[in-house]
Every structure is written in structure tokens, then in C-alpha cells.
Amino acid sequence: MNMYEGLFIFGETVQEERLKDLAAYVTTEIEKAGGKVLESRDMGRRSFARIMQKKESGFYLAVTFKIAADKVSVLTSRYHLNDDVFRVQITRVDEKFLNKAPAVAPAVTA
């Protein structure tokens, strides 16, 4: 199984009370496809950089999960069937970079 991160954008017309149900829907679909959810982060409502399909903002959800590579396209197509899901982007995470701290230059004091 490979590790993936999915970014889900729900339409601006979705009520905030329904966001928990939609987050549960996302994780349920991953588990139905044989995956395992590692982390789910509600990123809140954000404005788009430009208007897309006459919408100015959406609710963002980031989910980190493990699943077989051949199941990703099936999973993506299932999310596109839901009208509340505005956009889906699933990218593979290279596990060798996960636990490494970024190189930070020491602070310069004058």
C-alpha cells in the first residue's frame, strides 16, 4: 500500500453542520476501497484565488491515508459522483520524506 494525501473542497453552499458528515463520507469511501485513514484535518473555509464555476470559496479537508495504487482512480471517480464535493486532488506521498525535519538555517543575530 502507498501513502496518499487527498485535498477535498466542498462547495460554498454546504452548511457548516454538514461538514462532519462529509468528512465521514470521505473516510468511509477510503475504508470501503480497502484503505486506512491516518489523519484528517479540517482546514476551514478558504477563498479561491480566482472564481471557479461562479464560486468564490469552499470548505477544505485534507486527509492522509494508505491504499493500494490501483484503487485511487476508483476512489476519485466515486467522489466525483457526490454533488457536495467540488474538487478532489489525491497525490502520492513519498514516505522517505515524511519524518525528516526540514533544513533550517540558523538565525542571524546582529
Protein backbone atom coordinates (compact mmCIF):
# COMPACT_ATOMS: atom_id res chain seq x y z
CA MET A 1 0.00 0.00 0.00
CA ASN A 2 1.12 3.51 -0.82
CA MET A 3 0.56 6.65 1.21
CA TYR A 4 -1.56 9.41 -0.29
CA GLU A 5 -2.84 12.82 0.70
CA GLY A 6 -6.22 13.93 -0.56
CA LEU A 7 -7.38 17.51 -0.67
CA PHE A 8 -11.16 17.79 -0.82
CA ILE A 9 -13.01 21.02 -1.46
CA PHE A 10 -16.70 21.15 -0.66
CA GLY A 11 -18.91 23.81 -2.23
CA GLU A 12 -19.57 27.10 -0.51
CA THR A 13 -23.29 26.32 -0.31
CA VAL A 14 -22.66 23.40 2.08
CA GLN A 15 -23.77 24.22 5.60
CA GLU A 16 -21.07 24.00 8.27
CA GLU A 17 -23.13 21.48 10.24
CA ARG A 18 -22.90 19.05 7.31
CA LEU A 19 -19.11 19.19 7.11
CA LYS A 20 -18.69 16.44 9.72
CA ASP A 21 -20.98 14.20 7.68
CA LEU A 22 -18.99 14.92 4.52
CA ALA A 23 -15.70 14.21 6.32
CA ALA A 24 -17.18 10.90 7.49
CA TYR A 25 -18.26 10.18 3.91
CA VAL A 26 -14.71 10.76 2.65
CA THR A 27 -13.16 8.44 5.24
CA THR A 28 -15.85 5.79 4.73
CA GLU A 29 -15.19 5.66 0.99
CA ILE A 30 -11.46 5.21 1.63
CA GLU A 31 -12.13 2.36 4.04
CA LYS A 32 -14.64 0.73 1.65
CA ALA A 33 -11.92 0.70 -1.02
CA GLY A 34 -9.59 -1.14 1.36
CA GLY A 35 -7.60 1.85 2.59
CA LYS A 36 -6.71 3.10 6.04
CA VAL A 37 -7.11 6.74 7.10
CA LEU A 38 -4.11 8.03 9.05
CA GLU A 39 -5.07 11.67 9.60
CA SER A 40 -7.87 14.05 8.73
CA ARG A 41 -7.51 17.84 9.01
CA ASP A 42 -10.37 20.29 8.65
CA MET A 43 -8.83 23.37 7.05
CA GLY A 44 -11.97 25.50 7.19
CA ARG A 45 -13.44 27.86 4.65
CA ARG A 46 -10.99 29.48 2.24
CA SER A 47 -11.38 31.90 -0.62
CA PHE A 48 -10.24 30.82 -4.06
CA ALA A 49 -7.51 32.74 -5.83
CA ARG A 50 -9.92 33.21 -8.72
CA ILE A 51 -13.59 32.47 -9.19
CA MET A 52 -14.22 28.89 -10.34
CA GLN A 53 -17.58 27.91 -11.78
CA LYS A 54 -19.12 31.07 -10.27
CA LYS A 55 -17.93 30.10 -6.77
CA GLU A 56 -15.67 32.26 -4.64
CA SER A 57 -14.82 29.93 -1.74
CA GLY A 58 -15.10 26.42 -0.37
CA PHE A 59 -14.52 24.26 2.68
CA TYR A 60 -11.22 22.37 2.62
CA LEU A 61 -10.44 18.95 4.10
CA ALA A 62 -7.02 17.27 3.94
CA VAL A 63 -6.86 13.51 4.51
CA THR A 64 -3.72 11.36 4.72
CA PHE A 65 -4.34 7.68 4.02
CA LYS A 66 -2.85 4.41 2.77
CA ILE A 67 -4.40 2.49 -0.09
CA ALA A 68 -3.42 0.24 -2.99
CA ALA A 69 -2.35 2.19 -6.07
CA ASP A 70 -4.97 0.62 -8.34
CA LYS A 71 -7.80 1.83 -6.08
CA VAL A 72 -7.02 5.56 -6.34
CA SER A 73 -8.77 6.12 -9.68
CA VAL A 74 -11.84 4.22 -8.45
CA LEU A 75 -11.87 6.32 -5.31
CA THR A 76 -11.57 9.59 -7.23
CA SER A 77 -14.42 8.67 -9.56
CA ARG A 78 -16.65 7.84 -6.56
CA TYR A 79 -16.04 11.29 -5.08
CA HIS A 80 -16.97 12.97 -8.35
CA LEU A 81 -20.45 11.40 -8.09
CA ASN A 82 -21.22 13.43 -4.96
CA ASP A 83 -22.59 16.90 -5.73
CA ASP A 84 -21.22 18.37 -2.49
CA VAL A 85 -17.63 17.56 -3.47
CA PHE A 86 -16.46 20.47 -5.60
CA ARG A 87 -12.84 19.39 -6.20
CA VAL A 88 -10.65 16.38 -5.35
CA GLN A 89 -6.90 16.15 -5.63
CA ILE A 90 -5.11 12.99 -4.50
CA THR A 91 -1.31 12.90 -4.55
CA ARG A 92 1.11 10.19 -3.55
CA VAL A 93 3.31 10.97 -0.55
CA ASP A 94 6.87 9.68 -0.66
CA GLU A 95 7.32 8.09 2.77
CA LYS A 96 11.07 8.62 2.85
CA PHE A 97 10.49 12.37 3.27
CA LEU A 98 7.81 12.15 5.96
CA ASN A 99 9.77 12.16 9.23
CA LYS A 100 12.68 14.31 8.17
CA ALA A 101 12.83 17.79 9.60
CA PRO A 102 13.40 20.50 7.01
CA ALA A 103 16.84 22.05 6.93
CA VAL A 104 16.61 25.41 8.63
CA ALA A 105 19.37 27.95 8.53
CA PRO A 106 20.38 29.29 11.93
CA ALA A 107 19.08 32.71 12.81
CA VAL A 108 21.50 35.55 12.24
CA THR A 109 21.87 37.86 15.21
CA ALA A 110 23.43 41.23 14.85
